[in-house]
Amino acid sequence: MSRRTLQETATDWRYWTASSAATVTLIAWWQAQAGPAHCLAESTKVEDHVTEKSSFILRQWLDSVGADVDAIDVRESVQHPDAGLGVFASDEVQKTLQVSWWKRPYYRFRKPNDGIVLASFPLHAAITPQTILSDPVLGQTYQELLNIGVIDERMLIILFLTIERQLGVDSVWYPWLKLLPGKPQTPLFYSEVEMAELRGTSLEHSVGLQKRGLAEQWKRLEPACQDLLKKAGASTTQVSFEDFMWAHAMFWSRSQSFPRWTQEAGEMVVSAEEGMVPGLDFCNHKEHSTARWTIFGTPGLEVDESGQPSAMPTQVALVCPRQQAPSPGQEITIDYGDKSNEQLLLNYGFAQPNNMNDVLTIMCPVSPPEDCDDILTARLNLLLSRGLMPRLFLPAKLLDGRPTRTGKDRILRLPEEVEEILKIFVMVPKQLSAEVVSELGSESAQNTLDAVEASGERMAVLTTLVGLLELKHLQLEGESGTGSLEADMKLIEAEANNEGDRTPDGKRACLVYRSSQKRIAREYLIRARQELAAEMNRMRKLQQRH
């Protein structure tokens, strides 16, 4: 939806805030409609009261752009103290369950009564490249920046958020922007003291790289931002790097990737599109949540046997199984997907205890390009030709051994990509040369190895892996790290038992993340050493036979 269309259809939120007395009256009326669960006690903080008013204005704005949010509220989350806002079921959710399924929008499960729609949001009011480029005032300028390659579609949304936030009350999106966190709780915004909680982790390195990369991008984009603000008629064209980082954090913590269908030559063609859905983005994460979002929550939208829609989807819906519908006042969460703790902490500011999707990242020591010899250069080129990078991803789920009579085994299992990367780094020059020639397509490599050679290669792979894991273990738990795993577990246990002062959410997230990294590193190191010892015994037996 363009800026002009939004301005014509959206409720003028400034009307609701023109008089504080009128606002309080409206809030009181709304609370009376919602029931006693939402009534403000006399001891309610001023900040909470402001949030209630802002939430009410957001509801009015969402209603005016075509969203159906009768069955949900946006208010302070109960997930944990610093969780921010969340989505809750309102008293209206009971009416949703009582109304016949054919009279309301609903999610098209195989059986009509399998699910209900808790809320729906029109795609034309989502923040996508398409809606941004259709802005009658700034759309052309955004399009020019895309055309000349200054930004891509992701950066287009980030730039848009930067501009709209600077416009403040003059932004059409202000009722939504006002409720977004002012300072994201992600490592990108940590102080030096807070970053010390991540010493020795790969995330510490990633955050440094990300900050430097964003700073370089900002140097290129700052003039464009000032030009956009001037064209938008902003009262000031001053915008800071911190504003840009804020927009970057909002995009990565609240964006979604959903299928978009277009008609080409009379056929429906699907492509992925990233965007943000105001209102839906307040849903917090909880593992194995039954609620989820879908674009198939449109009234009358049928799906054929191949999963193709019969018409263009027009809404994003928040749905859940009818049998597991939330009660009034219950927070509605969704599952963000199979993400590692590093991804969760970097993008969302929290980490998941006992996360089976967690991954230990190990960067292979590689010299700068100018210092690489021919052999190392050939190894790196071979990696790139096979779509690999000089880093290992060791997943926690592979440590969950197979059941045995005495418990679970502790066999070393490595992803195929990790095996291939390590083999490339231990190849003798002759074999490496043959593999490089093979990749060029001139002739196929002869990789047949006898038993002794195969065992030797396996020993080299395991020796390299053990060395990398020992280095990682030292980085995490040595003097340059954050101490031992046992010390971290004591802190976590004390927190669970409510001993001492409450640990801030950011510090707790770092504690959960780094303890998981230490546990994964230790377990892989133990198994790699055992495997290496077994392979050495195997090699001795083979040599004795020969």
Protein backbone atom coordinates (compact mmCIF):
# COMPACT_ATOMS: atom_id res chain seq x y z
CA MET A 1 0.00 0.00 0.00
CA SER A 2 1.44 3.38 -0.95
CA ARG A 3 2.00 6.24 1.50
CA ARG A 4 -0.93 8.17 -0.02
CA THR A 5 -3.29 5.20 0.18
CA LEU A 6 -2.29 4.50 3.76
CA GLN A 7 -2.87 8.12 4.67
CA GLU A 8 -6.30 8.03 3.09
CA THR A 9 -7.42 4.78 4.72
CA ALA A 10 -5.61 4.74 8.08
CA THR A 11 -7.25 6.24 11.11
CA ASP A 12 -5.55 9.53 11.94
CA TRP A 13 -3.90 8.38 15.15
CA ARG A 14 -3.14 12.00 16.06
CA TYR A 15 -6.88 12.49 16.54
CA TRP A 16 -6.76 9.98 19.40
CA THR A 17 -3.87 11.73 21.11
CA ALA A 18 -4.84 15.36 20.55
CA SER A 19 -6.27 15.60 24.05
CA SER A 20 -4.91 13.57 26.95
CA ALA A 21 -8.32 13.65 28.62
CA ALA A 22 -10.02 12.30 25.50
CA THR A 23 -7.37 9.58 25.22
CA VAL A 24 -7.81 8.44 28.81
CA THR A 25 -11.58 8.29 28.26
CA LEU A 26 -11.10 6.15 25.15
CA ILE A 27 -8.68 3.85 26.95
CA ALA A 28 -11.13 3.44 29.83
CA TRP A 29 -13.88 2.58 27.35
CA TRP A 30 -11.68 0.07 25.60
CA GLN A 31 -10.72 -1.56 28.90
CA ALA A 32 -14.37 -1.81 29.88
CA GLN A 33 -15.04 -3.61 26.59
CA ALA A 34 -12.09 -5.92 27.11
CA GLY A 35 -13.09 -6.89 30.63
CA PRO A 36 -11.49 -6.71 34.07
CA ALA A 37 -8.36 -8.56 33.03
CA HIS A 38 -7.18 -5.42 31.24
CA CYS A 39 -8.21 -2.83 33.84
CA LEU A 40 -5.35 -0.68 35.11
CA ALA A 41 -4.69 -0.82 38.83
CA GLU A 42 -3.97 2.39 40.69
CA SER A 43 -0.35 1.37 41.14
CA THR A 44 0.23 0.91 37.38
CA LYS A 45 3.43 2.56 36.20
CA VAL A 46 3.26 5.56 33.88
CA GLU A 47 5.22 3.60 31.28
CA ASP A 48 2.62 0.81 31.32
CA HIS A 49 -0.18 3.34 30.90
CA VAL A 50 1.60 4.88 27.90
CA THR A 51 2.01 1.39 26.42
CA GLU A 52 -1.74 0.74 26.86
CA LYS A 53 -2.58 3.94 24.99
CA SER A 54 -0.05 3.19 22.26
CA SER A 55 -1.40 -0.34 21.94
CA PHE A 56 -4.93 1.02 21.57
CA ILE A 57 -3.78 3.42 18.84
CA LEU A 58 -1.99 0.54 17.08
CA ARG A 59 -5.23 -1.45 17.11
CA GLN A 60 -7.10 1.49 15.55
CA TRP A 61 -4.43 1.81 12.88
CA LEU A 62 -4.42 -1.91 12.09
CA ASP A 63 -8.22 -1.94 11.88
CA SER A 64 -8.16 0.97 9.46
CA VAL A 65 -5.75 -0.75 7.03
CA GLY A 66 -7.88 -3.89 6.92
CA ALA A 67 -6.37 -6.11 9.62
CA ASP A 68 -8.63 -8.34 11.73
CA VAL A 69 -7.17 -8.10 15.25
CA ASP A 70 -10.32 -8.40 17.39
CA ALA A 71 -9.12 -11.64 19.01
CA ILE A 72 -5.65 -10.39 20.03
CA ASP A 73 -4.06 -7.71 22.18
CA VAL A 74 -0.50 -6.33 22.14
CA ARG A 75 0.95 -5.76 25.61
CA GLU A 76 3.88 -6.58 27.89
CA SER A 77 5.10 -10.14 27.39
CA VAL A 78 5.23 -12.65 30.23
CA GLN A 79 7.97 -14.78 28.65
CA HIS A 80 10.63 -13.09 30.80
CA PRO A 81 11.10 -9.64 32.40
CA ASP A 82 12.92 -8.01 29.47
CA ALA A 83 10.95 -9.67 26.67
CA GLY A 84 9.18 -6.46 25.62
CA LEU A 85 5.76 -6.65 24.00
CA GLY A 86 3.89 -9.78 23.03
CA VAL A 87 0.62 -10.88 21.43
CA PHE A 88 -2.15 -12.11 23.75
CA ALA A 89 -5.56 -13.63 23.20
CA SER A 90 -8.35 -11.17 24.02
CA ASP A 91 -11.84 -12.00 25.27
CA GLU A 92 -12.94 -11.94 21.62
CA VAL A 93 -11.11 -15.21 21.03
CA GLN A 94 -14.09 -17.00 22.55
CA LYS A 95 -16.35 -15.55 19.86
CA THR A 96 -13.91 -16.76 17.24
CA LEU A 97 -14.37 -20.29 18.50
CA GLN A 98 -18.15 -20.02 18.66
CA VAL A 99 -18.77 -18.58 15.19
CA SER A 100 -19.24 -21.13 12.43
CA TRP A 101 -16.10 -21.72 10.40
CA TRP A 102 -17.66 -20.69 7.09
CA LYS A 103 -18.55 -17.22 8.43
CA ARG A 104 -14.98 -16.26 9.31
CA PRO A 105 -11.58 -16.39 7.63
CA TYR A 106 -9.91 -19.65 8.49
CA TYR A 107 -6.79 -21.59 7.65
CA ARG A 108 -7.38 -24.22 4.98
CA PHE A 109 -6.33 -27.41 6.68
CA ARG A 110 -7.44 -30.65 5.08
CA LYS A 111 -10.47 -30.54 7.37
CA PRO A 112 -12.25 -27.19 7.85
CA ASN A 113 -12.62 -27.56 11.61
CA ASP A 114 -8.93 -28.34 12.18
CA GLY A 115 -7.86 -24.71 12.67
CA ILE A 116 -8.93 -21.15 13.30
CA VAL A 117 -7.60 -17.72 12.42
CA LEU A 118 -6.67 -15.65 15.46
CA ALA A 119 -5.75 -12.56 13.42
CA SER A 120 -5.15 -11.59 9.82
CA PHE A 121 -3.10 -8.81 8.26
CA PRO A 122 -3.44 -7.58 4.65
CA LEU A 123 -0.35 -8.00 2.51
CA HIS A 124 -0.84 -4.55 1.03
CA ALA A 125 -0.09 -3.08 4.49
CA ALA A 126 3.06 -5.19 4.99
CA ILE A 127 6.46 -3.57 4.56
CA THR A 128 7.86 -5.21 1.44
CA PRO A 129 9.97 -3.96 -1.47
CA GLN A 130 6.77 -3.72 -3.51
CA THR A 131 4.98 -1.45 -1.01
CA ILE A 132 8.08 0.71 -0.48
CA LEU A 133 8.64 1.24 -4.21
CA SER A 134 4.99 2.22 -4.67
CA ASP A 135 5.39 5.21 -2.32
CA PRO A 136 4.38 8.25 -4.44
CA VAL A 137 6.87 10.54 -2.69
CA LEU A 138 9.98 8.43 -2.15
CA GLY A 139 9.36 5.34 -4.29
CA GLN A 140 11.22 6.68 -7.31
CA THR A 141 14.29 7.54 -5.26
CA TYR A 142 14.31 4.09 -3.67
CA GLN A 143 14.00 2.55 -7.16
CA GLU A 144 16.98 4.54 -8.41
CA LEU A 145 19.11 3.34 -5.50
CA LEU A 146 18.16 -0.24 -6.38
CA ASN A 147 18.86 0.26 -10.07
CA ILE A 148 22.39 1.57 -9.57
CA GLY A 149 23.22 -1.19 -7.09
CA VAL A 150 23.68 0.97 -4.00
CA ILE A 151 21.21 -1.22 -2.09
CA ASP A 152 19.53 -4.60 -2.46
CA GLU A 153 15.97 -5.47 -1.41
CA ARG A 154 16.96 -6.22 2.17
CA MET A 155 18.83 -2.96 2.51
CA LEU A 156 15.84 -1.21 0.91
CA ILE A 157 13.67 -2.23 3.87
CA ILE A 158 16.38 -1.27 6.37
CA LEU A 159 16.78 2.13 4.72
CA PHE A 160 13.00 2.58 4.72
CA LEU A 161 12.84 1.88 8.47
CA THR A 162 15.65 4.37 9.09
CA ILE A 163 13.77 7.10 7.22
CA GLU A 164 10.34 6.40 8.70
CA ARG A 165 11.69 6.42 12.24
CA GLN A 166 13.30 9.81 11.63
CA LEU A 167 10.00 11.18 10.32
CA GLY A 168 8.48 10.45 13.73
CA VAL A 169 4.85 11.53 14.08
CA ASP A 170 4.78 12.45 10.40
CA SER A 171 5.27 8.82 9.39
CA VAL A 172 2.19 6.86 8.39
CA TRP A 173 3.73 3.90 10.25
CA TYR A 174 4.23 5.81 13.51
CA PRO A 175 1.57 3.92 15.56
CA TRP A 176 3.58 0.75 14.91
CA LEU A 177 7.06 2.30 15.07
CA LYS A 178 6.29 3.85 18.45
CA LEU A 179 5.91 0.41 20.04
CA LEU A 180 9.17 -1.02 18.70
CA PRO A 181 12.05 -1.28 21.20
CA GLY A 182 14.23 1.80 21.34
CA LYS A 183 17.39 -0.18 22.09
CA PRO A 184 17.49 -3.76 20.78
CA GLN A 185 18.84 -6.33 23.26
CA THR A 186 21.22 -7.89 20.73
CA PRO A 187 25.05 -8.12 20.86
CA LEU A 188 25.29 -5.43 18.18
CA PHE A 189 24.27 -2.95 20.89
CA TYR A 190 26.29 -4.41 23.77
CA SER A 191 28.72 -2.26 25.72
CA GLU A 192 32.35 -3.37 26.14
CA VAL A 193 31.48 -4.81 29.56
CA GLU A 194 28.55 -6.78 28.09
CA MET A 195 30.66 -8.03 25.18
CA ALA A 196 33.11 -9.47 27.71
CA GLU A 197 30.46 -12.14 28.38
CA LEU A 198 31.13 -13.46 24.85
CA ARG A 199 34.93 -13.62 24.96
CA GLY A 200 36.35 -16.47 22.95
CA THR A 201 33.13 -17.29 21.11
CA SER A 202 32.60 -17.12 17.37
CA LEU A 203 29.79 -14.64 18.03
CA GLU A 204 32.28 -12.15 19.47
CA HIS A 205 34.14 -12.27 16.15
CA SER A 206 30.92 -12.10 14.11
CA VAL A 207 29.64 -9.00 15.94
CA GLY A 208 32.91 -7.18 15.28
CA LEU A 209 32.76 -8.02 11.59
CA GLN A 210 29.11 -7.00 11.39
CA LYS A 211 29.73 -3.61 13.01
CA ARG A 212 32.58 -2.87 10.64
CA GLY A 213 30.51 -3.94 7.65
CA LEU A 214 27.56 -1.77 8.70
CA ALA A 215 29.87 1.20 9.24
CA GLU A 216 31.16 0.84 5.67
CA GLN A 217 27.61 0.60 4.32
CA TRP A 218 26.56 3.64 6.31
CA LYS A 219 29.30 5.76 4.73
CA ARG A 220 27.73 5.04 1.34
CA LEU A 221 24.12 5.40 2.46
CA GLU A 222 24.24 8.48 4.70
CA PRO A 223 23.97 10.96 1.79
CA ALA A 224 21.05 8.97 0.35
CA CYS A 225 19.30 9.04 3.75
CA GLN A 226 19.66 12.79 3.98
CA ASP A 227 18.30 13.18 0.45
CA LEU A 228 15.30 10.96 1.24
CA LEU A 229 14.51 12.89 4.42
CA LYS A 230 14.68 16.16 2.51
CA LYS A 231 12.29 14.86 -0.16
CA ALA A 232 9.93 13.56 2.54
CA GLY A 233 9.74 17.05 4.03
CA ALA A 234 11.34 16.07 7.35
CA SER A 235 12.04 18.82 9.87
CA THR A 236 15.68 17.71 9.97
CA THR A 237 17.90 15.64 7.71
CA GLN A 238 20.21 14.61 10.54
CA VAL A 239 20.40 10.85 10.90
CA SER A 240 23.01 8.81 12.76
CA PHE A 241 24.78 5.49 12.39
CA GLU A 242 22.94 4.33 15.53
CA ASP A 243 19.60 4.93 13.74
CA PHE A 244 20.82 2.80 10.87
CA MET A 245 21.94 -0.01 13.23
CA TRP A 246 18.54 0.13 14.92
CA ALA A 247 16.78 -0.37 11.58
CA HIS A 248 19.14 -3.24 10.76
CA ALA A 249 18.28 -4.94 14.06
CA MET A 250 14.55 -4.43 13.54
CA PHE A 251 14.70 -6.02 10.09
CA TRP A 252 16.60 -9.11 11.19
CA SER A 253 14.48 -9.67 14.30
CA ARG A 254 11.06 -9.03 12.71
CA SER A 255 11.23 -9.83 9.01
CA GLN A 256 9.61 -12.86 7.43
CA SER A 257 10.16 -14.66 4.18
CA PHE A 258 6.94 -15.71 2.52
CA PRO A 259 6.01 -16.97 -0.94
CA ARG A 260 4.73 -14.43 -3.41
CA TRP A 261 2.77 -15.47 -6.49
CA THR A 262 2.76 -13.51 -9.72
CA GLN A 263 1.17 -14.30 -13.04
CA GLU A 264 3.51 -14.78 -15.96
CA ALA A 265 2.19 -15.91 -19.35
CA GLY A 266 -1.06 -16.97 -17.70
CA GLU A 267 0.67 -19.15 -15.09
CA MET A 268 1.16 -18.65 -11.37
CA VAL A 269 4.89 -18.27 -10.59
CA VAL A 270 6.11 -18.43 -6.99
CA SER A 271 9.08 -16.53 -5.58
CA ALA A 272 10.32 -15.71 -2.08
CA GLU A 273 9.79 -12.22 -0.71
CA GLU A 274 11.06 -10.78 2.56
CA GLY A 275 9.06 -8.25 4.48
CA MET A 276 7.65 -7.16 7.82
CA VAL A 277 4.04 -7.48 8.96
CA PRO A 278 3.18 -4.79 11.56
CA GLY A 279 1.24 -6.37 14.41
CA LEU A 280 2.19 -9.95 13.64
CA ASP A 281 5.83 -9.09 14.36
CA PHE A 282 5.08 -8.78 18.09
CA CYS A 283 4.65 -12.55 18.43
CA ASN A 284 7.41 -13.94 20.63
CA HIS A 285 9.16 -17.29 20.26
CA LYS A 286 8.42 -20.49 22.10
CA GLU A 287 9.65 -23.86 20.96
CA HIS A 288 6.96 -26.21 19.59
CA SER A 289 4.27 -23.51 19.70
CA THR A 290 1.02 -24.58 18.07
CA ALA A 291 0.26 -21.13 16.62
CA ARG A 292 1.93 -20.09 13.39
CA TRP A 293 1.58 -17.62 10.57
CA THR A 294 0.53 -18.46 7.01
CA ILE A 295 -0.44 -16.63 3.85
CA PHE A 296 -3.30 -19.06 3.27
CA GLY A 297 -5.62 -17.47 5.80
CA THR A 298 -7.64 -15.64 3.19
CA PRO A 299 -11.40 -16.12 2.97
CA GLY A 300 -12.31 -18.29 0.00
CA LEU A 301 -8.69 -19.03 -0.93
CA GLU A 302 -8.51 -22.59 -2.20
CA VAL A 303 -5.34 -24.63 -2.71
CA ASP A 304 -5.07 -27.35 -5.35
CA GLU A 305 -3.44 -30.76 -4.87
CA SER A 306 0.02 -29.40 -5.73
CA GLY A 307 -0.27 -26.64 -3.09
CA GLN A 308 -0.78 -23.85 -5.61
CA PRO A 309 -3.32 -21.15 -4.70
CA SER A 310 -6.37 -20.58 -6.85
CA ALA A 311 -6.00 -16.82 -6.44
CA MET A 312 -3.43 -14.29 -5.31
CA PRO A 313 -3.03 -14.48 -1.51
CA THR A 314 -4.00 -11.15 0.04
CA GLN A 315 -3.46 -11.74 3.75
CA VAL A 316 -1.03 -13.09 6.31
CA ALA A 317 -2.89 -14.96 9.04
CA LEU A 318 -2.02 -16.03 12.57
CA VAL A 319 -3.56 -19.48 12.96
CA CYS A 320 -3.69 -22.33 15.45
CA PRO A 321 -5.46 -25.71 15.79
CA ARG A 322 -8.99 -25.29 17.09
CA GLN A 323 -8.39 -27.83 19.87
CA GLN A 324 -5.40 -25.82 21.13
CA ALA A 325 -6.83 -22.32 20.88
CA PRO A 326 -5.48 -19.93 23.54
CA SER A 327 -7.59 -18.78 26.48
CA PRO A 328 -8.30 -15.06 27.01
CA GLY A 329 -5.21 -13.41 28.48
CA GLN A 330 -2.85 -16.18 27.32
CA GLU A 331 0.20 -15.11 25.34
CA ILE A 332 0.26 -16.36 21.75
CA THR A 333 3.73 -17.46 20.67
CA ILE A 334 5.12 -18.92 17.47
CA ASP A 335 8.15 -21.10 16.81
CA TYR A 336 10.88 -19.14 15.01
CA GLY A 337 12.21 -22.34 13.47
CA ASP A 338 15.30 -24.52 13.78
CA LYS A 339 17.84 -21.86 14.74
CA SER A 340 21.09 -22.18 16.66
CA ASN A 341 21.68 -20.17 19.81
CA GLU A 342 24.14 -18.04 17.88
CA GLN A 343 21.42 -17.07 15.41
CA LEU A 344 18.88 -16.49 18.19
CA LEU A 345 21.22 -14.31 20.25
CA LEU A 346 22.57 -12.35 17.29
CA ASN A 347 19.18 -11.56 15.76
CA TYR A 348 16.73 -11.72 18.67
CA GLY A 349 18.76 -11.24 21.84
CA PHE A 350 17.99 -14.53 23.58
CA ALA A 351 19.28 -18.11 23.68
CA GLN A 352 17.42 -21.39 24.15
CA PRO A 353 18.56 -23.77 26.91
CA ASN A 354 19.15 -27.35 25.71
CA ASN A 355 18.79 -26.22 22.12
CA MET A 356 19.27 -29.31 19.92
CA ASN A 357 19.62 -27.00 16.91
CA ASP A 358 22.72 -25.40 18.40
CA VAL A 359 25.94 -25.45 16.37
CA LEU A 360 29.60 -24.94 17.24
CA THR A 361 31.39 -22.89 14.59
CA ILE A 362 35.15 -23.30 14.14
CA MET A 363 37.06 -21.06 11.78
CA CYS A 364 39.98 -22.81 10.10
CA PRO A 365 43.19 -20.79 10.60
CA VAL A 366 43.94 -19.24 7.23
CA SER A 367 46.62 -16.68 6.41
CA PRO A 368 45.69 -13.38 4.73
CA PRO A 369 45.56 -13.65 0.91
CA GLU A 370 48.85 -11.84 0.48
CA ASP A 371 50.61 -14.36 2.75
CA CYS A 372 49.12 -17.55 1.25
CA ASP A 373 51.52 -19.90 -0.51
CA ASP A 374 50.56 -21.81 -3.65
CA ILE A 375 49.48 -24.92 -1.72
CA LEU A 376 47.16 -23.04 0.64
CA THR A 377 45.76 -21.03 -2.28
CA ALA A 378 45.01 -24.28 -4.13
CA ARG A 379 43.23 -25.68 -1.05
CA LEU A 380 41.08 -22.55 -0.72
CA ASN A 381 40.25 -22.53 -4.43
CA LEU A 382 39.22 -26.19 -4.25
CA LEU A 383 36.95 -25.41 -1.31
CA LEU A 384 35.31 -22.53 -3.18
CA SER A 385 34.84 -24.62 -6.32
CA ARG A 386 32.84 -27.10 -4.22
CA GLY A 387 30.77 -24.42 -2.52
CA LEU A 388 32.60 -24.76 0.81
CA MET A 389 34.25 -22.28 3.17
CA PRO A 390 37.18 -22.75 5.57
CA ARG A 391 34.96 -23.18 8.63
CA LEU A 392 33.38 -26.14 10.37
CA PHE A 393 29.82 -26.36 11.66
CA LEU A 394 29.48 -29.04 14.32
CA PRO A 395 25.81 -29.56 15.27
CA ALA A 396 24.71 -30.52 18.77
CA LYS A 397 22.15 -32.98 17.42
CA LEU A 398 24.90 -35.33 16.15
CA LEU A 399 26.05 -35.74 19.76
CA ASP A 400 22.76 -37.39 20.67
CA GLY A 401 24.06 -40.94 20.36
CA ARG A 402 22.12 -43.99 19.32
CA PRO A 403 20.63 -46.12 22.11
CA THR A 404 22.66 -49.09 23.34
CA ARG A 405 22.21 -51.61 26.14
CA THR A 406 24.25 -49.45 28.49
CA GLY A 407 22.82 -46.07 27.43
CA LYS A 408 23.77 -44.07 24.34
CA ASP A 409 26.91 -44.48 22.28
CA ARG A 410 29.55 -41.74 22.02
CA ILE A 411 30.67 -42.38 18.46
CA LEU A 412 32.07 -39.42 16.54
CA ARG A 413 29.67 -38.41 13.78
CA LEU A 414 30.60 -35.54 11.48
CA PRO A 415 28.58 -33.79 8.76
CA GLU A 416 29.72 -34.71 5.25
CA GLU A 417 30.77 -31.11 4.58
CA VAL A 418 33.06 -31.12 7.64
CA GLU A 419 34.68 -34.37 6.47
CA GLU A 420 35.25 -32.92 3.00
CA ILE A 421 36.72 -29.65 4.30
CA LEU A 422 39.16 -31.48 6.56
CA LYS A 423 40.18 -33.87 3.77
CA ILE A 424 41.02 -30.93 1.51
CA PHE A 425 43.22 -29.38 4.21
CA VAL A 426 45.20 -32.61 4.75
CA MET A 427 45.61 -33.65 1.10
CA VAL A 428 49.20 -34.22 0.01
CA PRO A 429 50.26 -31.85 -2.80
CA LYS A 430 50.06 -34.55 -5.50
CA GLN A 431 46.49 -35.50 -4.60
CA LEU A 432 45.54 -31.84 -4.22
CA SER A 433 46.86 -31.07 -7.71
CA ALA A 434 44.88 -33.96 -9.16
CA GLU A 435 41.68 -32.76 -7.45
CA VAL A 436 42.18 -29.21 -8.75
CA VAL A 437 42.70 -30.49 -12.29
CA SER A 438 39.59 -32.64 -11.92
CA GLU A 439 37.53 -29.62 -10.84
CA LEU A 440 38.67 -27.80 -13.98
CA GLY A 441 37.15 -30.66 -15.97
CA SER A 442 40.16 -31.72 -17.95
CA GLU A 443 40.40 -35.18 -16.40
CA SER A 444 38.96 -37.11 -13.48
CA ALA A 445 41.00 -37.58 -10.30
CA GLN A 446 42.13 -41.07 -9.32
CA ASN A 447 41.21 -41.26 -5.62
CA THR A 448 41.63 -45.00 -5.05
CA LEU A 449 43.53 -45.52 -1.79
CA ASP A 450 44.69 -48.78 -0.29
CA ALA A 451 43.85 -49.62 3.33
CA VAL A 452 47.03 -48.10 4.77
CA GLU A 453 46.67 -44.89 2.77
CA ALA A 454 42.99 -44.57 3.70
CA SER A 455 43.85 -45.04 7.37
CA GLY A 456 46.62 -42.47 7.07
CA GLU A 457 44.21 -39.97 5.55
CA ARG A 458 41.70 -40.65 8.32
CA MET A 459 44.38 -40.11 10.96
CA ALA A 460 45.36 -36.81 9.35
CA VAL A 461 41.72 -35.66 9.33
CA LEU A 462 41.22 -36.60 12.98
CA THR A 463 44.52 -35.06 14.07
CA THR A 464 43.56 -31.80 12.41
CA LEU A 465 40.10 -31.90 13.97
CA VAL A 466 41.52 -32.57 17.43
CA GLY A 467 43.92 -29.66 17.04
CA LEU A 468 41.12 -27.29 16.00
CA LEU A 469 38.89 -28.46 18.86
CA GLU A 470 41.70 -28.06 21.41
CA LEU A 471 42.25 -24.51 20.19
CA LYS A 472 38.53 -23.78 20.37
CA HIS A 473 38.33 -25.26 23.87
CA LEU A 474 41.22 -23.02 24.95
CA GLN A 475 39.58 -19.94 23.42
CA LEU A 476 36.32 -20.63 25.26
CA GLU A 477 37.59 -21.78 28.64
CA GLY A 478 41.19 -20.48 28.79
CA GLU A 479 42.49 -17.17 30.09
CA SER A 480 41.18 -15.29 27.06
CA GLY A 481 37.73 -16.86 27.42
CA THR A 482 35.02 -16.73 30.07
CA GLY A 483 36.07 -19.52 32.39
CA SER A 484 35.17 -23.16 32.70
CA LEU A 485 31.93 -24.87 31.77
CA GLU A 486 31.51 -25.88 35.42
CA ALA A 487 31.60 -22.23 36.51
CA ASP A 488 28.91 -21.36 33.95
CA MET A 489 26.73 -24.25 35.09
CA LYS A 490 26.96 -23.05 38.70
CA LEU A 491 25.73 -19.61 37.63
CA ILE A 492 22.85 -21.15 35.67
CA GLU A 493 21.93 -23.38 38.61
CA ALA A 494 22.00 -20.43 41.02
CA GLU A 495 19.73 -18.48 38.66
CA ALA A 496 17.30 -21.40 38.46
CA ASN A 497 17.19 -21.61 42.26
CA ASN A 498 16.64 -17.85 42.59
CA GLU A 499 19.88 -17.45 44.51
CA GLY A 500 21.26 -13.91 44.62
CA ASP A 501 20.24 -10.98 42.42
CA ARG A 502 18.30 -11.56 39.22
CA THR A 503 20.59 -11.91 36.22
CA PRO A 504 19.72 -9.46 33.41
CA ASP A 505 18.22 -11.17 30.38
CA GLY A 506 21.13 -10.19 28.13
CA LYS A 507 23.73 -11.67 30.49
CA ARG A 508 21.61 -14.80 30.96
CA ALA A 509 21.37 -15.25 27.18
CA CYS A 510 25.17 -14.96 26.86
CA LEU A 511 25.56 -17.49 29.67
CA VAL A 512 23.24 -20.01 28.01
CA TYR A 513 24.91 -19.50 24.62
CA ARG A 514 28.54 -19.80 25.76
CA SER A 515 27.90 -22.76 28.09
CA SER A 516 26.32 -24.63 25.18
CA GLN A 517 29.34 -23.82 23.00
CA LYS A 518 31.70 -25.15 25.68
CA ARG A 519 29.66 -28.32 26.11
CA ILE A 520 29.60 -29.03 22.37
CA ALA A 521 33.34 -28.35 22.03
CA ARG A 522 34.19 -30.64 24.93
CA GLU A 523 32.03 -33.51 23.74
CA TYR A 524 33.34 -33.38 20.15
CA LEU A 525 36.91 -33.19 21.48
CA ILE A 526 36.41 -36.28 23.66
CA ARG A 527 34.95 -38.25 20.78
CA ALA A 528 37.56 -37.06 18.28
CA ARG A 529 40.39 -38.13 20.61
CA GLN A 530 38.79 -41.54 21.10
CA GLU A 531 38.37 -41.95 17.35
CA LEU A 532 41.96 -40.87 16.72
CA ALA A 533 43.28 -43.42 19.27
CA ALA A 534 41.19 -46.16 17.63
CA GLU A 535 42.47 -45.21 14.16
CA MET A 536 46.08 -45.28 15.37
CA ASN A 537 45.54 -48.82 16.65
CA ARG A 538 44.01 -49.76 13.32
CA MET A 539 47.02 -48.31 11.48
CA ARG A 540 49.45 -50.32 13.63
CA LYS A 541 47.59 -53.53 12.86
CA LEU A 542 47.61 -52.77 9.12
CA GLN A 543 51.36 -52.08 9.18
CA GLN A 544 52.00 -55.33 11.02
CA ARG A 545 50.14 -57.25 8.30
CA HIS A 546 52.28 -55.64 5.61
